[in-house]
Amino acid sequence: MQKRHYCMACQFPLSVCLCKFVHKICNSVELIVLQHPSETKVAKNTARLLALALQNIQIVVGETAQDFRQLQAFCLQHHNDVALLYPSTVSRPLEELNKAHNIKYLLLLDGTWKKAFKHLSM
């Protein structure tokens, strides 16, 4: 059986390498993706795709509060500059938040709904 070869840049199989189609853009709001470890190996890894296309992005992989302790401290320090993108009954439009605060960091949860809810509950 022949070993599958992967692109060093996008980490997708060479047969579906996306590099020639991706052009990095400079996003003014930095995205911080809280990624569940099981999502790192998913074939359609959307966080990896975002990292290919955006200049200002961090991916923090973990599933326990300890894994996100540094990020939590960062968010407490910059609480007026950080927003969480997550649907809930108390969600507000980003435009509305940006009028009251100058959002500089947008948190995204990468995982199944169950895993994302677990991240949210930490």
PDB file of N, CA and C in Angstrom:
ATOM      1  N   MET A   1       0.844  -1.174   0.000  1.00  0.00           N
ATOM      2  CA  MET A   1       0.000   0.000   0.000  1.00  0.00           C
ATOM      3  C   MET A   1       0.899   1.251   0.000  1.00  0.00           C
ATOM      4  N   GLN A   2       0.575   2.203  -0.855  1.00  0.00           N
ATOM      5  CA  GLN A   2       1.371   3.420  -0.989  1.00  0.00           C
ATOM      6  C   GLN A   2       0.983   4.432   0.089  1.00  0.00           C
ATOM      7  N   LYS A   3       2.012   5.044   0.703  1.00  0.00           N
ATOM      8  CA  LYS A   3       1.782   6.052   1.738  1.00  0.00           C
ATOM      9  C   LYS A   3       1.278   7.336   1.089  1.00  0.00           C
ATOM     10  N   ARG A   4       0.287   7.954   1.712  1.00  0.00           N
ATOM     11  CA  ARG A   4      -0.278   9.212   1.219  1.00  0.00           C
ATOM     12  C   ARG A   4       0.668  10.362   1.544  1.00  0.00           C
ATOM     13  N   HIS A   5       0.924  11.222   0.578  1.00  0.00           N
ATOM     14  CA  HIS A   5       1.808  12.359   0.767  1.00  0.00           C
ATOM     15  C   HIS A   5       0.978  13.617   0.993  1.00  0.00           C
ATOM     16  N   TYR A   6       1.474  14.459   1.920  1.00  0.00           N
ATOM     17  CA  TYR A   6       0.758  15.660   2.306  1.00  0.00           C
ATOM     18  C   TYR A   6       1.558  16.906   1.960  1.00  0.00           C
ATOM     19  N   CYS A   7       0.827  17.983   1.672  1.00  0.00           N
ATOM     20  CA  CYS A   7       1.441  19.281   1.429  1.00  0.00           C
ATOM     21  C   CYS A   7       1.973  19.806   2.763  1.00  0.00           C
ATOM     22  N   MET A   8       3.189  20.300   2.765  1.00  0.00           N
ATOM     23  CA  MET A   8       3.796  20.827   3.994  1.00  0.00           C
ATOM     24  C   MET A   8       3.126  22.138   4.440  1.00  0.00           C
ATOM     25  N   ALA A   9       2.553  22.891   3.511  1.00  0.00           N
ATOM     26  CA  ALA A   9       1.935  24.181   3.849  1.00  0.00           C
ATOM     27  C   ALA A   9       0.509  24.022   4.374  1.00  0.00           C
ATOM     28  N   CYS A  10      -0.368  23.396   3.602  1.00  0.00           N
ATOM     29  CA  CYS A  10      -1.777  23.300   4.003  1.00  0.00           C
ATOM     30  C   CYS A  10      -2.098  22.013   4.769  1.00  0.00           C
ATOM     31  N   GLN A  11      -1.197  21.056   4.737  1.00  0.00           N
ATOM     32  CA  GLN A  11      -1.340  19.778   5.440  1.00  0.00           C
ATOM     33  C   GLN A  11      -2.478  18.911   4.919  1.00  0.00           C
ATOM     34  N   PHE A  12      -2.955  19.211   3.718  1.00  0.00           N
ATOM     35  CA  PHE A  12      -3.936  18.360   3.075  1.00  0.00           C
ATOM     36  C   PHE A  12      -3.193  17.402   2.148  1.00  0.00           C
ATOM     37  N   PRO A  13      -3.814  16.273   1.771  1.00  0.00           N
ATOM     38  CA  PRO A  13      -3.158  15.382   0.813  1.00  0.00           C
ATOM     39  C   PRO A  13      -2.794  16.155  -0.459  1.00  0.00           C
ATOM     40  N   LEU A  14      -1.658  15.823  -1.064  1.00  0.00           N
ATOM     41  CA  LEU A  14      -1.197  16.529  -2.262  1.00  0.00           C
ATOM     42  C   LEU A  14      -2.256  16.526  -3.360  1.00  0.00           C
ATOM     43  N   SER A  15      -3.055  15.480  -3.421  1.00  0.00           N
ATOM     44  CA  SER A  15      -4.084  15.395  -4.466  1.00  0.00           C
ATOM     45  C   SER A  15      -5.169  16.445  -4.310  1.00  0.00           C
ATOM     46  N   VAL A  16      -5.315  17.007  -3.106  1.00  0.00           N
ATOM     47  CA  VAL A  16      -6.328  18.046  -2.864  1.00  0.00           C
ATOM     48  C   VAL A  16      -5.720  19.291  -2.227  1.00  0.00           C
ATOM     49  N   CYS A  17      -4.438  19.518  -2.461  1.00  0.00           N
ATOM     50  CA  CYS A  17      -3.743  20.683  -1.920  1.00  0.00           C
ATOM     51  C   CYS A  17      -4.472  21.960  -2.336  1.00  0.00           C
ATOM     52  N   LEU A  18      -4.651  22.873  -1.390  1.00  0.00           N
ATOM     53  CA  LEU A  18      -5.405  24.104  -1.625  1.00  0.00           C
ATOM     54  C   LEU A  18      -4.526  25.338  -1.813  1.00  0.00           C
ATOM     55  N   CYS A  19      -3.236  25.195  -1.662  1.00  0.00           N
ATOM     56  CA  CYS A  19      -2.332  26.349  -1.591  1.00  0.00           C
ATOM     57  C   CYS A  19      -2.465  27.319  -2.760  1.00  0.00           C
ATOM     58  N   LYS A  20      -2.632  26.821  -3.958  1.00  0.00           N
ATOM     59  CA  LYS A  20      -2.699  27.740  -5.096  1.00  0.00           C
ATOM     60  C   LYS A  20      -4.004  28.540  -5.125  1.00  0.00           C
ATOM     61  N   PHE A  21      -4.981  28.142  -4.336  1.00  0.00           N
ATOM     62  CA  PHE A  21      -6.271  28.833  -4.302  1.00  0.00           C
ATOM     63  C   PHE A  21      -6.413  29.786  -3.119  1.00  0.00           C
ATOM     64  N   VAL A  22      -5.509  29.691  -2.173  1.00  0.00           N
ATOM     65  CA  VAL A  22      -5.624  30.474  -0.946  1.00  0.00           C
ATOM     66  C   VAL A  22      -4.722  31.699  -1.014  1.00  0.00           C
ATOM     67  N   HIS A  23      -5.310  32.838  -0.714  1.00  0.00           N
ATOM     68  CA  HIS A  23      -4.563  34.092  -0.656  1.00  0.00           C
ATOM     69  C   HIS A  23      -4.839  34.710   0.711  1.00  0.00           C
ATOM     70  N   LYS A  24      -3.793  34.874   1.502  1.00  0.00           N
ATOM     71  CA  LYS A  24      -3.951  35.426   2.852  1.00  0.00           C
ATOM     72  C   LYS A  24      -4.496  36.849   2.815  1.00  0.00           C
ATOM     73  N   ILE A  25      -5.417  37.118   3.718  1.00  0.00           N
ATOM     74  CA  ILE A  25      -5.928  38.469   3.877  1.00  0.00           C
ATOM     75  C   ILE A  25      -5.587  38.948   5.285  1.00  0.00           C
ATOM     76  N   CYS A  26      -5.467  40.236   5.423  1.00  0.00           N
ATOM     77  CA  CYS A  26      -5.161  40.830   6.716  1.00  0.00           C
ATOM     78  C   CYS A  26      -6.484  41.199   7.387  1.00  0.00           C
ATOM     79  N   ASN A  27      -6.866  40.437   8.363  1.00  0.00           N
ATOM     80  CA  ASN A  27      -8.095  40.705   9.098  1.00  0.00           C
ATOM     81  C   ASN A  27      -7.775  41.586  10.293  1.00  0.00           C
ATOM     82  N   SER A  28      -8.581  42.626  10.490  1.00  0.00           N
ATOM     83  CA  SER A  28      -8.316  43.573  11.577  1.00  0.00           C
ATOM     84  C   SER A  28      -8.695  43.002  12.938  1.00  0.00           C
ATOM     85  N   VAL A  29      -9.691  42.128  12.991  1.00  0.00           N
ATOM     86  CA  VAL A  29     -10.078  41.470  14.235  1.00  0.00           C
ATOM     87  C   VAL A  29      -9.363  40.125  14.269  1.00  0.00           C
ATOM     88  N   GLU A  30      -8.611  39.886  15.339  1.00  0.00           N
ATOM     89  CA  GLU A  30      -7.892  38.620  15.445  1.00  0.00           C
ATOM     90  C   GLU A  30      -8.852  37.516  15.873  1.00  0.00           C
ATOM     91  N   LEU A  31      -8.818  36.404  15.155  1.00  0.00           N
ATOM     92  CA  LEU A  31      -9.628  35.246  15.524  1.00  0.00           C
ATOM     93  C   LEU A  31      -8.817  34.351  16.441  1.00  0.00           C
ATOM     94  N   ILE A  32      -9.458  33.902  17.507  1.00  0.00           N
ATOM     95  CA  ILE A  32      -8.847  32.942  18.418  1.00  0.00           C
ATOM     96  C   ILE A  32      -9.774  31.737  18.441  1.00  0.00           C
ATOM     97  N   VAL A  33      -9.281  30.639  17.910  1.00  0.00           N
ATOM     98  CA  VAL A  33     -10.084  29.422  17.785  1.00  0.00           C
ATOM     99  C   VAL A  33      -9.741  28.483  18.934  1.00  0.00           C
ATOM    100  N   LEU A  34     -10.744  28.123  19.713  1.00  0.00           N
ATOM    101  CA  LEU A  34     -10.587  27.112  20.745  1.00  0.00           C
ATOM    102  C   LEU A  34     -10.979  25.798  20.090  1.00  0.00           C
ATOM    103  N   GLN A  35      -9.986  24.975  19.795  1.00  0.00           N
ATOM    104  CA  GLN A  35     -10.220  23.762  19.016  1.00  0.00           C
ATOM    105  C   GLN A  35     -10.117  22.526  19.905  1.00  0.00           C
ATOM    106  N   HIS A  36     -11.137  21.697  19.837  1.00  0.00           N
ATOM    107  CA  HIS A  36     -11.103  20.424  20.557  1.00  0.00           C
ATOM    108  C   HIS A  36     -10.064  19.530  19.883  1.00  0.00           C
ATOM    109  N   PRO A  37      -9.270  18.768  20.651  1.00  0.00           N
ATOM    110  CA  PRO A  37      -8.215  17.933  20.060  1.00  0.00           C
ATOM    111  C   PRO A  37      -8.702  16.981  18.972  1.00  0.00           C
ATOM    112  N   SER A  38      -9.917  16.489  19.088  1.00  0.00           N
ATOM    113  CA  SER A  38     -10.423  15.550  18.073  1.00  0.00           C
ATOM    114  C   SER A  38     -10.643  16.223  16.723  1.00  0.00           C
ATOM    115  N   GLU A  39     -10.747  17.568  16.717  1.00  0.00           N
ATOM    116  CA  GLU A  39     -10.973  18.291  15.464  1.00  0.00           C
ATOM    117  C   GLU A  39      -9.693  18.466  14.646  1.00  0.00           C
ATOM    118  N   THR A  40      -8.528  18.292  15.258  1.00  0.00           N
ATOM    119  CA  THR A  40      -7.266  18.514  14.550  1.00  0.00           C
ATOM    120  C   THR A  40      -7.044  17.500  13.436  1.00  0.00           C
ATOM    121  N   LYS A  41      -7.641  16.337  13.560  1.00  0.00           N
ATOM    122  CA  LYS A  41      -7.439  15.275  12.566  1.00  0.00           C
ATOM    123  C   LYS A  41      -8.617  15.139  11.593  1.00  0.00           C
ATOM    124  N   VAL A  42      -9.631  15.970  11.742  1.00  0.00           N
ATOM    125  CA  VAL A  42     -10.792  15.917  10.854  1.00  0.00           C
ATOM    126  C   VAL A  42     -10.365  16.378   9.460  1.00  0.00           C
ATOM    127  N   ALA A  43     -10.752  15.636   8.446  1.00  0.00           N
ATOM    128  CA  ALA A  43     -10.303  15.903   7.074  1.00  0.00           C
ATOM    129  C   ALA A  43     -10.605  17.324   6.617  1.00  0.00           C
ATOM    130  N   LYS A  44     -11.748  17.879   7.016  1.00  0.00           N
ATOM    131  CA  LYS A  44     -12.149  19.221   6.554  1.00  0.00           C
ATOM    132  C   LYS A  44     -11.746  20.304   7.534  1.00  0.00           C
ATOM    133  N   ASN A  45     -10.791  20.056   8.354  1.00  0.00           N
ATOM    134  CA  ASN A  45     -10.317  20.932   9.424  1.00  0.00           C
ATOM    135  C   ASN A  45     -10.492  22.424   9.090  1.00  0.00           C
ATOM    136  N   THR A  46     -11.619  22.990   9.476  1.00  0.00           N
ATOM    137  CA  THR A  46     -11.948  24.378   9.138  1.00  0.00           C
ATOM    138  C   THR A  46     -11.015  25.381   9.815  1.00  0.00           C
ATOM    139  N   ALA A  47     -10.531  25.057  11.004  1.00  0.00           N
ATOM    140  CA  ALA A  47      -9.591  25.964  11.675  1.00  0.00           C
ATOM    141  C   ALA A  47      -8.295  26.059  10.871  1.00  0.00           C
ATOM    142  N   ARG A  48      -7.838  24.945  10.343  1.00  0.00           N
ATOM    143  CA  ARG A  48      -6.626  24.955   9.512  1.00  0.00           C
ATOM    144  C   ARG A  48      -6.864  25.762   8.246  1.00  0.00           C
ATOM    145  N   LEU A  49      -8.052  25.649   7.665  1.00  0.00           N
ATOM    146  CA  LEU A  49      -8.383  26.444   6.478  1.00  0.00           C
ATOM    147  C   LEU A  49      -8.379  27.934   6.803  1.00  0.00           C
ATOM    148  N   LEU A  50      -8.939  28.306   7.934  1.00  0.00           N
ATOM    149  CA  LEU A  50      -8.925  29.714   8.352  1.00  0.00           C
ATOM    150  C   LEU A  50      -7.493  30.214   8.519  1.00  0.00           C
ATOM    151  N   ALA A  51      -6.647  29.388   9.118  1.00  0.00           N
ATOM    152  CA  ALA A  51      -5.253  29.781   9.344  1.00  0.00           C
ATOM    153  C   ALA A  51      -4.504  29.980   8.028  1.00  0.00           C
ATOM    154  N   LEU A  52      -4.898  29.256   6.990  1.00  0.00           N
ATOM    155  CA  LEU A  52      -4.280  29.426   5.677  1.00  0.00           C
ATOM    156  C   LEU A  52      -4.680  30.760   5.049  1.00  0.00           C
ATOM    157  N   ALA A  53      -5.890  31.218   5.352  1.00  0.00           N
ATOM    158  CA  ALA A  53      -6.434  32.384   4.658  1.00  0.00           C
ATOM    159  C   ALA A  53      -6.331  33.697   5.440  1.00  0.00           C
ATOM    160  N   LEU A  54      -6.096  33.627   6.736  1.00  0.00           N
ATOM    161  CA  LEU A  54      -6.091  34.836   7.565  1.00  0.00           C
ATOM    162  C   LEU A  54      -4.728  35.056   8.204  1.00  0.00           C
ATOM    163  N   GLN A  55      -4.341  36.317   8.314  1.00  0.00           N
ATOM    164  CA  GLN A  55      -3.064  36.643   8.955  1.00  0.00           C
ATOM    165  C   GLN A  55      -3.166  36.657  10.474  1.00  0.00           C
ATOM    166  N   ASN A  56      -4.268  37.145  10.991  1.00  0.00           N
ATOM    167  CA  ASN A  56      -4.416  37.316  12.442  1.00  0.00           C
ATOM    168  C   ASN A  56      -5.327  36.247  13.018  1.00  0.00           C
ATOM    169  N   ILE A  57      -4.709  35.107  13.311  1.00  0.00           N
ATOM    170  CA  ILE A  57      -5.475  33.987  13.868  1.00  0.00           C
ATOM    171  C   ILE A  57      -4.570  33.163  14.771  1.00  0.00           C
ATOM    172  N   GLN A  58      -5.159  32.710  15.861  1.00  0.00           N
ATOM    173  CA  GLN A  58      -4.498  31.774  16.771  1.00  0.00           C
ATOM    174  C   GLN A  58      -5.403  30.570  16.910  1.00  0.00           C
ATOM    175  N   ILE A  59      -4.810  29.393  16.965  1.00  0.00           N
ATOM    176  CA  ILE A  59      -5.578  28.182  17.245  1.00  0.00           C
ATOM    177  C   ILE A  59      -5.033  27.602  18.540  1.00  0.00           C
ATOM    178  N   VAL A  60      -5.910  27.489  19.531  1.00  0.00           N
ATOM    179  CA  VAL A  60      -5.530  26.939  20.825  1.00  0.00           C
ATOM    180  C   VAL A  60      -6.251  25.604  20.967  1.00  0.00           C
ATOM    181  N   VAL A  61      -5.479  24.530  21.011  1.00  0.00           N
ATOM    182  CA  VAL A  61      -6.055  23.187  21.080  1.00  0.00           C
ATOM    183  C   VAL A  61      -6.109  22.736  22.532  1.00  0.00           C
ATOM    184  N   GLY A  62      -7.270  22.220  22.937  1.00  0.00           N
ATOM    185  CA  GLY A  62      -7.421  21.709  24.291  1.00  0.00           C
ATOM    186  C   GLY A  62      -8.844  21.293  24.570  1.00  0.00           C
ATOM    187  N   GLU A  63      -9.020  20.678  25.749  1.00  0.00           N
ATOM    188  CA  GLU A  63     -10.385  20.304  26.137  1.00  0.00           C
ATOM    189  C   GLU A  63     -10.653  20.485  27.625  1.00  0.00           C
ATOM    190  N   THR A  64      -9.648  20.920  28.366  1.00  0.00           N
ATOM    191  CA  THR A  64      -9.850  21.151  29.796  1.00  0.00           C
ATOM    192  C   THR A  64      -9.600  22.627  30.119  1.00  0.00           C
ATOM    193  N   ALA A  65     -10.083  23.045  31.267  1.00  0.00           N
ATOM    194  CA  ALA A  65      -9.862  24.428  31.702  1.00  0.00           C
ATOM    195  C   ALA A  65      -8.371  24.734  31.796  1.00  0.00           C
ATOM    196  N   GLN A  66      -7.582  23.751  32.223  1.00  0.00           N
ATOM    197  CA  GLN A  66      -6.131  23.938  32.325  1.00  0.00           C
ATOM    198  C   GLN A  66      -5.533  24.253  30.952  1.00  0.00           C
ATOM    199  N   ASP A  67      -6.028  23.617  29.898  1.00  0.00           N
ATOM    200  CA  ASP A  67      -5.527  23.843  28.534  1.00  0.00           C
ATOM    201  C   ASP A  67      -5.727  25.292  28.086  1.00  0.00           C
ATOM    202  N   PHE A  68      -6.741  25.940  28.634  1.00  0.00           N
ATOM    203  CA  PHE A  68      -7.085  27.300  28.208  1.00  0.00           C
ATOM    204  C   PHE A  68      -6.809  28.348  29.284  1.00  0.00           C
ATOM    205  N   ARG A  69      -6.023  28.002  30.288  1.00  0.00           N
ATOM    206  CA  ARG A  69      -5.767  28.924  31.404  1.00  0.00           C
ATOM    207  C   ARG A  69      -5.126  30.229  30.930  1.00  0.00           C
ATOM    208  N   GLN A  70      -4.129  30.154  30.056  1.00  0.00           N
ATOM    209  CA  GLN A  70      -3.489  31.379  29.538  1.00  0.00           C
ATOM    210  C   GLN A  70      -4.482  32.222  28.747  1.00  0.00           C
ATOM    211  N   LEU A  71      -5.288  31.570  27.930  1.00  0.00           N
ATOM    212  CA  LEU A  71      -6.279  32.291  27.140  1.00  0.00           C
ATOM    213  C   LEU A  71      -7.315  32.948  28.048  1.00  0.00           C
ATOM    214  N   GLN A  72      -7.716  32.259  29.090  1.00  0.00           N
ATOM    215  CA  GLN A  72      -8.675  32.826  30.031  1.00  0.00           C
ATOM    216  C   GLN A  72      -8.109  34.092  30.687  1.00  0.00           C
ATOM    217  N   ALA A  73      -6.840  34.040  31.078  1.00  0.00           N
ATOM    218  CA  ALA A  73      -6.198  35.212  31.685  1.00  0.00           C
ATOM    219  C   ALA A  73      -6.137  36.362  30.683  1.00  0.00           C
ATOM    220  N   PHE A  74      -5.828  36.036  29.433  1.00  0.00           N
ATOM    221  CA  PHE A  74      -5.782  37.045  28.375  1.00  0.00           C
ATOM    222  C   PHE A  74      -7.159  37.697  28.208  1.00  0.00           C
ATOM    223  N   CYS A  75      -8.202  36.880  28.175  1.00  0.00           N
ATOM    224  CA  CYS A  75      -9.563  37.398  27.987  1.00  0.00           C
ATOM    225  C   CYS A  75      -9.996  38.273  29.163  1.00  0.00           C
ATOM    226  N   LEU A  76      -9.607  37.908  30.370  1.00  0.00           N
ATOM    227  CA  LEU A  76      -9.939  38.736  31.534  1.00  0.00           C
ATOM    228  C   LEU A  76      -9.229  40.079  31.463  1.00  0.00           C
ATOM    229  N   GLN A  77      -7.999  40.062  30.986  1.00  0.00           N
ATOM    230  CA  GLN A  77      -7.216  41.296  30.862  1.00  0.00           C
ATOM    231  C   GLN A  77      -7.773  42.207  29.767  1.00  0.00           C
ATOM    232  N   HIS A  78      -8.312  41.618  28.698  1.00  0.00           N
ATOM    233  CA  HIS A  78      -8.811  42.371  27.539  1.00  0.00           C
ATOM    234  C   HIS A  78     -10.331  42.231  27.387  1.00  0.00           C
ATOM    235  N   HIS A  79     -11.056  42.093  28.480  1.00  0.00           N
ATOM    236  CA  HIS A  79     -12.479  41.745  28.421  1.00  0.00           C
ATOM    237  C   HIS A  79     -13.321  42.675  27.554  1.00  0.00           C
ATOM    238  N   ASN A  80     -12.983  43.947  27.454  1.00  0.00           N
ATOM    239  CA  ASN A  80     -13.761  44.861  26.609  1.00  0.00           C
ATOM    240  C   ASN A  80     -13.438  44.716  25.127  1.00  0.00           C
ATOM    241  N   ASP A  81     -12.354  44.029  24.822  1.00  0.00           N
ATOM    242  CA  ASP A  81     -11.905  43.879  23.434  1.00  0.00           C
ATOM    243  C   ASP A  81     -12.229  42.516  22.848  1.00  0.00           C
ATOM    244  N   VAL A  82     -12.811  41.621  23.647  1.00  0.00           N
ATOM    245  CA  VAL A  82     -13.022  40.231  23.236  1.00  0.00           C
ATOM    246  C   VAL A  82     -14.509  39.929  23.124  1.00  0.00           C
ATOM    247  N   ALA A  83     -14.877  39.213  22.065  1.00  0.00           N
ATOM    248  CA  ALA A  83     -16.263  38.754  21.910  1.00  0.00           C
ATOM    249  C   ALA A  83     -16.241  37.276  21.538  1.00  0.00           C
ATOM    250  N   LEU A  84     -17.272  36.573  21.936  1.00  0.00           N
ATOM    251  CA  LEU A  84     -17.426  35.161  21.625  1.00  0.00           C
ATOM    252  C   LEU A  84     -18.487  35.007  20.548  1.00  0.00           C
ATOM    253  N   LEU A  85     -18.158  34.309  19.490  1.00  0.00           N
ATOM    254  CA  LEU A  85     -19.123  34.024  18.436  1.00  0.00           C
ATOM    255  C   LEU A  85     -19.787  32.696  18.760  1.00  0.00           C
ATOM    256  N   TYR A  86     -21.007  32.762  19.280  1.00  0.00           N
ATOM    257  CA  TYR A  86     -21.718  31.555  19.710  1.00  0.00           C
ATOM    258  C   TYR A  86     -23.206  31.891  19.806  1.00  0.00           C
ATOM    259  N   PRO A  87     -24.053  31.055  19.209  1.00  0.00           N
ATOM    260  CA  PRO A  87     -25.495  31.353  19.268  1.00  0.00           C
ATOM    261  C   PRO A  87     -26.078  30.996  20.635  1.00  0.00           C
ATOM    262  N   SER A  88     -26.813  31.925  21.201  1.00  0.00           N
ATOM    263  CA  SER A  88     -27.503  31.664  22.464  1.00  0.00           C
ATOM    264  C   SER A  88     -28.662  32.647  22.598  1.00  0.00           C
ATOM    265  N   THR A  89     -29.421  32.483  23.652  1.00  0.00           N
ATOM    266  CA  THR A  89     -30.570  33.366  23.864  1.00  0.00           C
ATOM    267  C   THR A  89     -30.138  34.773  24.265  1.00  0.00           C
ATOM    268  N   VAL A  90     -28.899  34.934  24.729  1.00  0.00           N
ATOM    269  CA  VAL A  90     -28.405  36.253  25.134  1.00  0.00           C
ATOM    270  C   VAL A  90     -27.415  36.833  24.126  1.00  0.00           C
ATOM    271  N   SER A  91     -27.287  36.198  22.970  1.00  0.00           N
ATOM    272  CA  SER A  91     -26.365  36.698  21.938  1.00  0.00           C
ATOM    273  C   SER A  91     -26.811  38.062  21.443  1.00  0.00           C
ATOM    274  N   ARG A  92     -25.814  38.888  21.087  1.00  0.00           N
ATOM    275  CA  ARG A  92     -26.090  40.205  20.520  1.00  0.00           C
ATOM    276  C   ARG A  92     -25.327  40.336  19.207  1.00  0.00           C
ATOM    277  N   PRO A  93     -25.850  41.104  18.280  1.00  0.00           N
ATOM    278  CA  PRO A  93     -25.132  41.300  17.009  1.00  0.00           C
ATOM    279  C   PRO A  93     -23.756  41.924  17.251  1.00  0.00           C
ATOM    280  N   LEU A  94     -22.768  41.481  16.505  1.00  0.00           N
ATOM    281  CA  LEU A  94     -21.404  41.987  16.653  1.00  0.00           C
ATOM    282  C   LEU A  94     -21.347  43.489  16.416  1.00  0.00           C
ATOM    283  N   GLU A  95     -22.151  43.979  15.481  1.00  0.00           N
ATOM    284  CA  GLU A  95     -22.177  45.418  15.204  1.00  0.00           C
ATOM    285  C   GLU A  95     -22.586  46.197  16.451  1.00  0.00           C
ATOM    286  N   GLU A  96     -23.543  45.659  17.183  1.00  0.00           N
ATOM    287  CA  GLU A  96     -24.016  46.305  18.412  1.00  0.00           C
ATOM    288  C   GLU A  96     -22.906  46.301  19.473  1.00  0.00           C
ATOM    289  N   LEU A  97     -22.216  45.187  19.608  1.00  0.00           N
ATOM    290  CA  LEU A  97     -21.112  45.102  20.565  1.00  0.00           C
ATOM    291  C   LEU A  97     -19.988  46.054  20.198  1.00  0.00           C
ATOM    292  N   ASN A  98     -19.718  46.161  18.914  1.00  0.00           N
ATOM    293  CA  ASN A  98     -18.618  46.991  18.450  1.00  0.00           C
ATOM    294  C   ASN A  98     -18.881  48.476  18.682  1.00  0.00           C
ATOM    295  N   LYS A  99     -20.148  48.857  18.747  1.00  0.00           N
ATOM    296  CA  LYS A  99     -20.474  50.261  19.050  1.00  0.00           C
ATOM    297  C   LYS A  99     -20.120  50.587  20.498  1.00  0.00           C
ATOM    298  N   ALA A 100     -20.328  49.630  21.391  1.00  0.00           N
ATOM    299  CA  ALA A 100     -20.042  49.839  22.809  1.00  0.00           C
ATOM    300  C   ALA A 100     -18.573  49.557  23.140  1.00  0.00           C
ATOM    301  N   HIS A 101     -17.975  48.640  22.416  1.00  0.00           N
ATOM    302  CA  HIS A 101     -16.585  48.233  22.657  1.00  0.00           C
ATOM    303  C   HIS A 101     -15.896  48.115  21.303  1.00  0.00           C
ATOM    304  N   ASN A 102     -14.617  48.309  21.289  1.00  0.00           N
ATOM    305  CA  ASN A 102     -13.853  48.127  20.056  1.00  0.00           C
ATOM    306  C   ASN A 102     -13.328  46.692  20.045  1.00  0.00           C
ATOM    307  N   ILE A 103     -14.117  45.782  19.492  1.00  0.00           N
ATOM    308  CA  ILE A 103     -13.757  44.359  19.501  1.00  0.00           C
ATOM    309  C   ILE A 103     -12.492  44.141  18.671  1.00  0.00           C
ATOM    310  N   LYS A 104     -11.474  43.582  19.311  1.00  0.00           N
ATOM    311  CA  LYS A 104     -10.202  43.299  18.652  1.00  0.00           C
ATOM    312  C   LYS A 104      -9.934  41.813  18.527  1.00  0.00           C
ATOM    313  N   TYR A 105     -10.654  41.007  19.333  1.00  0.00           N
ATOM    314  CA  TYR A 105     -10.447  39.566  19.355  1.00  0.00           C
ATOM    315  C   TYR A 105     -11.806  38.874  19.322  1.00  0.00           C
ATOM    316  N   LEU A 106     -11.935  37.903  18.451  1.00  0.00           N
ATOM    317  CA  LEU A 106     -13.176  37.157  18.319  1.00  0.00           C
ATOM    318  C   LEU A 106     -12.883  35.691  18.601  1.00  0.00           C
ATOM    319  N   LEU A 107     -13.537  35.149  19.627  1.00  0.00           N
ATOM    320  CA  LEU A 107     -13.350  33.750  19.996  1.00  0.00           C
ATOM    321  C   LEU A 107     -14.312  32.871  19.211  1.00  0.00           C
ATOM    322  N   LEU A 108     -13.781  31.782  18.669  1.00  0.00           N
ATOM    323  CA  LEU A 108     -14.581  30.804  17.943  1.00  0.00           C
ATOM    324  C   LEU A 108     -14.359  29.438  18.589  1.00  0.00           C
ATOM    325  N   LEU A 109     -15.401  28.630  18.677  1.00  0.00           N
ATOM    326  CA  LEU A 109     -15.295  27.289  19.245  1.00  0.00           C
ATOM    327  C   LEU A 109     -15.346  26.285  18.112  1.00  0.00           C
ATOM    328  N   ASP A 110     -14.329  25.429  18.026  1.00  0.00           N
ATOM    329  CA  ASP A 110     -14.252  24.446  16.950  1.00  0.00           C
ATOM    330  C   ASP A 110     -14.410  23.050  17.523  1.00  0.00           C
ATOM    331  N   GLY A 111     -15.572  22.468  17.262  1.00  0.00           N
ATOM    332  CA  GLY A 111     -15.884  21.127  17.741  1.00  0.00           C
ATOM    333  C   GLY A 111     -17.339  20.836  17.448  1.00  0.00           C
ATOM    334  N   THR A 112     -17.770  19.648  17.780  1.00  0.00           N
ATOM    335  CA  THR A 112     -19.189  19.330  17.656  1.00  0.00           C
ATOM    336  C   THR A 112     -19.953  20.247  18.612  1.00  0.00           C
ATOM    337  N   TRP A 113     -21.261  20.316  18.480  1.00  0.00           N
ATOM    338  CA  TRP A 113     -22.034  21.171  19.382  1.00  0.00           C
ATOM    339  C   TRP A 113     -21.793  20.762  20.834  1.00  0.00           C
ATOM    340  N   LYS A 114     -21.731  19.466  21.100  1.00  0.00           N
ATOM    341  CA  LYS A 114     -21.511  18.976  22.463  1.00  0.00           C
ATOM    342  C   LYS A 114     -20.140  19.422  22.979  1.00  0.00           C
ATOM    343  N   LYS A 115     -19.118  19.295  22.150  1.00  0.00           N
ATOM    344  CA  LYS A 115     -17.762  19.686  22.555  1.00  0.00           C
ATOM    345  C   LYS A 115     -17.649  21.202  22.694  1.00  0.00           C
ATOM    346  N   ALA A 116     -18.281  21.941  21.801  1.00  0.00           N
ATOM    347  CA  ALA A 116     -18.252  23.403  21.883  1.00  0.00           C
ATOM    348  C   ALA A 116     -18.953  23.870  23.155  1.00  0.00           C
ATOM    349  N   PHE A 117     -20.066  23.233  23.492  1.00  0.00           N
ATOM    350  CA  PHE A 117     -20.785  23.598  24.714  1.00  0.00           C
ATOM    351  C   PHE A 117     -19.927  23.308  25.942  1.00  0.00           C
ATOM    352  N   LYS A 118     -19.154  22.231  25.891  1.00  0.00           N
ATOM    353  CA  LYS A 118     -18.243  21.901  26.998  1.00  0.00           C
ATOM    354  C   LYS A 118     -17.179  22.994  27.131  1.00  0.00           C
ATOM    355  N   HIS A 119     -16.645  23.470  26.002  1.00  0.00           N
ATOM    356  CA  HIS A 119     -15.686  24.572  26.054  1.00  0.00           C
ATOM    357  C   HIS A 119     -16.339  25.823  26.638  1.00  0.00           C
ATOM    358  N   LEU A 120     -17.551  26.088  26.241  1.00  0.00           N
ATOM    359  CA  LEU A 120     -18.280  27.266  26.700  1.00  0.00           C
ATOM    360  C   LEU A 120     -18.523  27.204  28.219  1.00  0.00           C
ATOM    361  N   SER A 121     -18.709  26.009  28.727  1.00  0.00           N
ATOM    362  CA  SER A 121     -19.041  25.828  30.140  1.00  0.00           C
ATOM    363  C   SER A 121     -17.847  25.948  31.070  1.00  0.00           C
ATOM    364  N   MET A 122     -16.639  26.045  30.522  1.00  0.00           N
ATOM    365  CA  MET A 122     -15.425  26.124  31.389  1.00  0.00           C
ATOM    366  C   MET A 122     -15.299  27.475  32.018  1.00  0.00           C
TER     367      MET A 122
END
